[in-house]
Amino acid sequence: MAIAGGASWIVAFAAGVFVLPAAFPAGLGGELADRMDRARLIRILKMSEIPIACC
């Protein structure tokens, strides 16, 4: 029981690792959404999440 209570930082870290690849390109996407085709932009940003998540 002590291990689960003491490992809450691991859960927070894991959540951050899974959220950051999606959150990082979101700001860029918001800036570019007015200038580019949105469907193409979404495909590009989703494909950029894969290398970010692998690092």
PDB file of N, CA and C in Angstrom:
ATOM      1  N   MET A   1       0.816  -1.182   0.000  1.00  0.00           N
ATOM      2  CA  MET A   1       0.000   0.000   0.000  1.00  0.00           C
ATOM      3  C   MET A   1       0.863   1.250   0.000  1.00  0.00           C
ATOM      4  N   ALA A   2       1.987   1.222   0.638  1.00  0.00           N
ATOM      5  CA  ALA A   2       2.865   2.393   0.696  1.00  0.00           C
ATOM      6  C   ALA A   2       3.452   2.704  -0.673  1.00  0.00           C
ATOM      7  N   ILE A   3       3.656   1.690  -1.491  1.00  0.00           N
ATOM      8  CA  ILE A   3       4.233   1.927  -2.813  1.00  0.00           C
ATOM      9  C   ILE A   3       3.263   2.728  -3.676  1.00  0.00           C
ATOM     10  N   ALA A   4       1.987   2.385  -3.648  1.00  0.00           N
ATOM     11  CA  ALA A   4       1.006   3.090  -4.475  1.00  0.00           C
ATOM     12  C   ALA A   4       0.864   4.549  -4.018  1.00  0.00           C
ATOM     13  N   GLY A   5       0.891   4.773  -2.719  1.00  0.00           N
ATOM     14  CA  GLY A   5       0.757   6.137  -2.221  1.00  0.00           C
ATOM     15  C   GLY A   5       1.987   6.980  -2.516  1.00  0.00           C
ATOM     16  N   GLY A   6       3.162   6.375  -2.486  1.00  0.00           N
ATOM     17  CA  GLY A   6       4.392   7.107  -2.732  1.00  0.00           C
ATOM     18  C   GLY A   6       4.703   7.283  -4.202  1.00  0.00           C
ATOM     19  N   ALA A   7       3.961   6.645  -5.061  1.00  0.00           N
ATOM     20  CA  ALA A   7       4.255   6.690  -6.491  1.00  0.00           C
ATOM     21  C   ALA A   7       3.334   7.636  -7.241  1.00  0.00           C
ATOM     22  N   SER A   8       2.706   8.560  -6.547  1.00  0.00           N
ATOM     23  CA  SER A   8       1.787   9.466  -7.234  1.00  0.00           C
ATOM     24  C   SER A   8       2.533  10.363  -8.237  1.00  0.00           C
ATOM     25  N   TRP A   9       3.790  10.661  -7.982  1.00  0.00           N
ATOM     26  CA  TRP A   9       4.549  11.479  -8.927  1.00  0.00           C
ATOM     27  C   TRP A   9       4.778  10.722 -10.230  1.00  0.00           C
ATOM     28  N   ILE A  10       4.835   9.396 -10.151  1.00  0.00           N
ATOM     29  CA  ILE A  10       5.015   8.598 -11.368  1.00  0.00           C
ATOM     30  C   ILE A  10       3.778   8.711 -12.245  1.00  0.00           C
ATOM     31  N   VAL A  11       2.614   8.676 -11.627  1.00  0.00           N
ATOM     32  CA  VAL A  11       1.367   8.803 -12.375  1.00  0.00           C
ATOM     33  C   VAL A  11       1.284  10.185 -13.026  1.00  0.00           C
ATOM     34  N   ALA A  12       1.654  11.209 -12.303  1.00  0.00           N
ATOM     35  CA  ALA A  12       1.641  12.571 -12.854  1.00  0.00           C
ATOM     36  C   ALA A  12       2.647  12.704 -13.997  1.00  0.00           C
ATOM     37  N   PHE A  13       3.806  12.108 -13.843  1.00  0.00           N
ATOM     38  CA  PHE A  13       4.827  12.149 -14.892  1.00  0.00           C
ATOM     39  C   PHE A  13       4.340  11.427 -16.144  1.00  0.00           C
ATOM     40  N   ALA A  14       3.738  10.248 -15.964  1.00  0.00           N
ATOM     41  CA  ALA A  14       3.232   9.478 -17.106  1.00  0.00           C
ATOM     42  C   ALA A  14       2.132  10.246 -17.834  1.00  0.00           C
ATOM     43  N   ALA A  15       1.267  10.898 -17.082  1.00  0.00           N
ATOM     44  CA  ALA A  15       0.212  11.693 -17.720  1.00  0.00           C
ATOM     45  C   ALA A  15       0.830  12.833 -18.528  1.00  0.00           C
ATOM     46  N   GLY A  16       1.832  13.472 -17.985  1.00  0.00           N
ATOM     47  CA  GLY A  16       2.504  14.543 -18.704  1.00  0.00           C
ATOM     48  C   GLY A  16       3.175  14.066 -19.975  1.00  0.00           C
ATOM     49  N   VAL A  17       3.772  12.885 -19.917  1.00  0.00           N
ATOM     50  CA  VAL A  17       4.445  12.323 -21.086  1.00  0.00           C
ATOM     51  C   VAL A  17       3.450  12.065 -22.209  1.00  0.00           C
ATOM     52  N   PHE A  18       2.241  11.631 -21.860  1.00  0.00           N
ATOM     53  CA  PHE A  18       1.241  11.361 -22.887  1.00  0.00           C
ATOM     54  C   PHE A  18       0.545  12.624 -23.381  1.00  0.00           C
ATOM     55  N   VAL A  19       0.500  13.673 -22.574  1.00  0.00           N
ATOM     56  CA  VAL A  19      -0.195  14.894 -22.964  1.00  0.00           C
ATOM     57  C   VAL A  19       0.710  15.833 -23.753  1.00  0.00           C
ATOM     58  N   LEU A  20       1.969  15.910 -23.418  1.00  0.00           N
ATOM     59  CA  LEU A  20       2.869  16.873 -24.060  1.00  0.00           C
ATOM     60  C   LEU A  20       2.959  16.742 -25.581  1.00  0.00           C
ATOM     61  N   PRO A  21       3.033  15.536 -26.141  1.00  0.00           N
ATOM     62  CA  PRO A  21       3.095  15.473 -27.612  1.00  0.00           C
ATOM     63  C   PRO A  21       1.869  16.063 -28.290  1.00  0.00           C
ATOM     64  N   ALA A  22       0.730  16.039 -27.627  1.00  0.00           N
ATOM     65  CA  ALA A  22      -0.474  16.628 -28.217  1.00  0.00           C
ATOM     66  C   ALA A  22      -0.542  18.121 -27.919  1.00  0.00           C
ATOM     67  N   ALA A  23      -0.073  18.530 -26.765  1.00  0.00           N
ATOM     68  CA  ALA A  23      -0.181  19.928 -26.367  1.00  0.00           C
ATOM     69  C   ALA A  23       0.863  20.806 -27.056  1.00  0.00           C
ATOM     70  N   PHE A  24       2.012  20.259 -27.309  1.00  0.00           N
ATOM     71  CA  PHE A  24       3.094  21.040 -27.918  1.00  0.00           C
ATOM     72  C   PHE A  24       2.711  21.599 -29.289  1.00  0.00           C
ATOM     73  N   PRO A  25       2.230  20.785 -30.238  1.00  0.00           N
ATOM     74  CA  PRO A  25       1.883  21.338 -31.544  1.00  0.00           C
ATOM     75  C   PRO A  25       0.546  22.083 -31.565  1.00  0.00           C
ATOM     76  N   ALA A  26      -0.229  22.029 -30.495  1.00  0.00           N
ATOM     77  CA  ALA A  26      -1.546  22.681 -30.494  1.00  0.00           C
ATOM     78  C   ALA A  26      -1.420  24.193 -30.638  1.00  0.00           C
ATOM     79  N   GLY A  27      -0.456  24.790 -29.969  1.00  0.00           N
ATOM     80  CA  GLY A  27      -0.261  26.234 -30.098  1.00  0.00           C
ATOM     81  C   GLY A  27       0.137  26.635 -31.506  1.00  0.00           C
ATOM     82  N   LEU A  28       1.011  25.868 -32.082  1.00  0.00           N
ATOM     83  CA  LEU A  28       1.424  26.119 -33.463  1.00  0.00           C
ATOM     84  C   LEU A  28       0.239  25.951 -34.407  1.00  0.00           C
ATOM     85  N   GLY A  29      -0.558  24.937 -34.154  1.00  0.00           N
ATOM     86  CA  GLY A  29      -1.732  24.702 -34.996  1.00  0.00           C
ATOM     87  C   GLY A  29      -2.730  25.840 -34.930  1.00  0.00           C
ATOM     88  N   GLY A  30      -2.896  26.402 -33.755  1.00  0.00           N
ATOM     89  CA  GLY A  30      -3.798  27.531 -33.618  1.00  0.00           C
ATOM     90  C   GLY A  30      -3.343  28.734 -34.417  1.00  0.00           C
ATOM     91  N   GLU A  31      -2.046  28.943 -34.442  1.00  0.00           N
ATOM     92  CA  GLU A  31      -1.503  30.063 -35.221  1.00  0.00           C
ATOM     93  C   GLU A  31      -1.643  29.828 -36.723  1.00  0.00           C
ATOM     94  N   LEU A  32      -1.421  28.604 -37.143  1.00  0.00           N
ATOM     95  CA  LEU A  32      -1.425  28.306 -38.575  1.00  0.00           C
ATOM     96  C   LEU A  32      -2.815  28.025 -39.139  1.00  0.00           C
ATOM     97  N   ALA A  33      -3.806  27.785 -38.278  1.00  0.00           N
ATOM     98  CA  ALA A  33      -5.136  27.385 -38.746  1.00  0.00           C
ATOM     99  C   ALA A  33      -5.790  28.454 -39.616  1.00  0.00           C
ATOM    100  N   ASP A  34      -5.449  29.699 -39.390  1.00  0.00           N
ATOM    101  CA  ASP A  34      -6.039  30.773 -40.195  1.00  0.00           C
ATOM    102  C   ASP A  34      -5.389  30.900 -41.564  1.00  0.00           C
ATOM    103  N   ARG A  35      -4.209  30.344 -41.731  1.00  0.00           N
ATOM    104  CA  ARG A  35      -3.461  30.532 -42.978  1.00  0.00           C
ATOM    105  C   ARG A  35      -3.451  29.302 -43.878  1.00  0.00           C
ATOM    106  N   MET A  36      -3.710  28.123 -43.309  1.00  0.00           N
ATOM    107  CA  MET A  36      -3.591  26.874 -44.078  1.00  0.00           C
ATOM    108  C   MET A  36      -4.917  26.135 -44.127  1.00  0.00           C
ATOM    109  N   ASP A  37      -4.981  25.172 -45.007  1.00  0.00           N
ATOM    110  CA  ASP A  37      -6.113  24.258 -45.049  1.00  0.00           C
ATOM    111  C   ASP A  37      -6.123  23.449 -43.755  1.00  0.00           C
ATOM    112  N   ARG A  38      -7.225  23.469 -43.029  1.00  0.00           N
ATOM    113  CA  ARG A  38      -7.268  22.854 -41.703  1.00  0.00           C
ATOM    114  C   ARG A  38      -7.094  21.342 -41.745  1.00  0.00           C
ATOM    115  N   ALA A  39      -7.664  20.672 -42.750  1.00  0.00           N
ATOM    116  CA  ALA A  39      -7.530  19.216 -42.842  1.00  0.00           C
ATOM    117  C   ALA A  39      -6.064  18.815 -43.038  1.00  0.00           C
ATOM    118  N   ARG A  40      -5.389  19.537 -43.887  1.00  0.00           N
ATOM    119  CA  ARG A  40      -3.957  19.247 -44.132  1.00  0.00           C
ATOM    120  C   ARG A  40      -3.134  19.554 -42.884  1.00  0.00           C
ATOM    121  N   LEU A  41      -3.462  20.651 -42.221  1.00  0.00           N
ATOM    122  CA  LEU A  41      -2.750  21.048 -41.013  1.00  0.00           C
ATOM    123  C   LEU A  41      -2.912  20.001 -39.906  1.00  0.00           C
ATOM    124  N   ILE A  42      -4.118  19.483 -39.747  1.00  0.00           N
ATOM    125  CA  ILE A  42      -4.353  18.453 -38.727  1.00  0.00           C
ATOM    126  C   ILE A  42      -3.522  17.215 -39.022  1.00  0.00           C
ATOM    127  N   ARG A  43      -3.477  16.806 -40.280  1.00  0.00           N
ATOM    128  CA  ARG A  43      -2.669  15.627 -40.637  1.00  0.00           C
ATOM    129  C   ARG A  43      -1.198  15.854 -40.336  1.00  0.00           C
ATOM    130  N   ILE A  44      -0.696  17.024 -40.671  1.00  0.00           N
ATOM    131  CA  ILE A  44       0.719  17.328 -40.427  1.00  0.00           C
ATOM    132  C   ILE A  44       1.019  17.321 -38.930  1.00  0.00           C
ATOM    133  N   LEU A  45       0.168  17.970 -38.153  1.00  0.00           N
ATOM    134  CA  LEU A  45       0.420  18.052 -36.710  1.00  0.00           C
ATOM    135  C   LEU A  45       0.284  16.693 -36.032  1.00  0.00           C
ATOM    136  N   LYS A  46      -0.680  15.889 -36.459  1.00  0.00           N
ATOM    137  CA  LYS A  46      -0.813  14.554 -35.866  1.00  0.00           C
ATOM    138  C   LYS A  46       0.390  13.682 -36.202  1.00  0.00           C
ATOM    139  N   MET A  47       0.921  13.824 -37.404  1.00  0.00           N
ATOM    140  CA  MET A  47       2.103  13.048 -37.774  1.00  0.00           C
ATOM    141  C   MET A  47       3.345  13.557 -37.060  1.00  0.00           C
ATOM    142  N   SER A  48       3.350  14.828 -36.661  1.00  0.00           N
ATOM    143  CA  SER A  48       4.495  15.345 -35.917  1.00  0.00           C
ATOM    144  C   SER A  48       4.463  14.885 -34.466  1.00  0.00           C
ATOM    145  N   GLU A  49       3.301  14.489 -33.964  1.00  0.00           N
ATOM    146  CA  GLU A  49       3.203  13.997 -32.593  1.00  0.00           C
ATOM    147  C   GLU A  49       3.940  12.667 -32.417  1.00  0.00           C
ATOM    148  N   ILE A  50       4.004  11.869 -33.442  1.00  0.00           N
ATOM    149  CA  ILE A  50       4.636  10.546 -33.335  1.00  0.00           C
ATOM    150  C   ILE A  50       6.118  10.665 -33.005  1.00  0.00           C
ATOM    151  N   PRO A  51       6.923  11.447 -33.747  1.00  0.00           N
ATOM    152  CA  PRO A  51       8.339  11.555 -33.354  1.00  0.00           C
ATOM    153  C   PRO A  51       8.535  12.232 -31.990  1.00  0.00           C
ATOM    154  N   ILE A  52       7.666  13.189 -31.670  1.00  0.00           N
ATOM    155  CA  ILE A  52       7.773  13.839 -30.370  1.00  0.00           C
ATOM    156  C   ILE A  52       7.520  12.832 -29.257  1.00  0.00           C
ATOM    157  N   ALA A  53       6.524  11.966 -29.452  1.00  0.00           N
ATOM    158  CA  ALA A  53       6.198  10.962 -28.429  1.00  0.00           C
ATOM    159  C   ALA A  53       7.297   9.899 -28.316  1.00  0.00           C
ATOM    160  N   CYS A  54       8.002   9.642 -29.405  1.00  0.00           N
ATOM    161  CA  CYS A  54       9.049   8.609 -29.360  1.00  0.00           C
ATOM    162  C   CYS A  54      10.315   9.095 -28.672  1.00  0.00           C
ATOM    163  N   CYS A  55      10.536  10.380 -28.605  1.00  0.00           N
ATOM    164  CA  CYS A  55      11.760  10.907 -27.990  1.00  0.00           C
ATOM    165  C   CYS A  55      11.757  10.818 -26.507  1.00  0.00           C
TER     166      CYS A  55
END
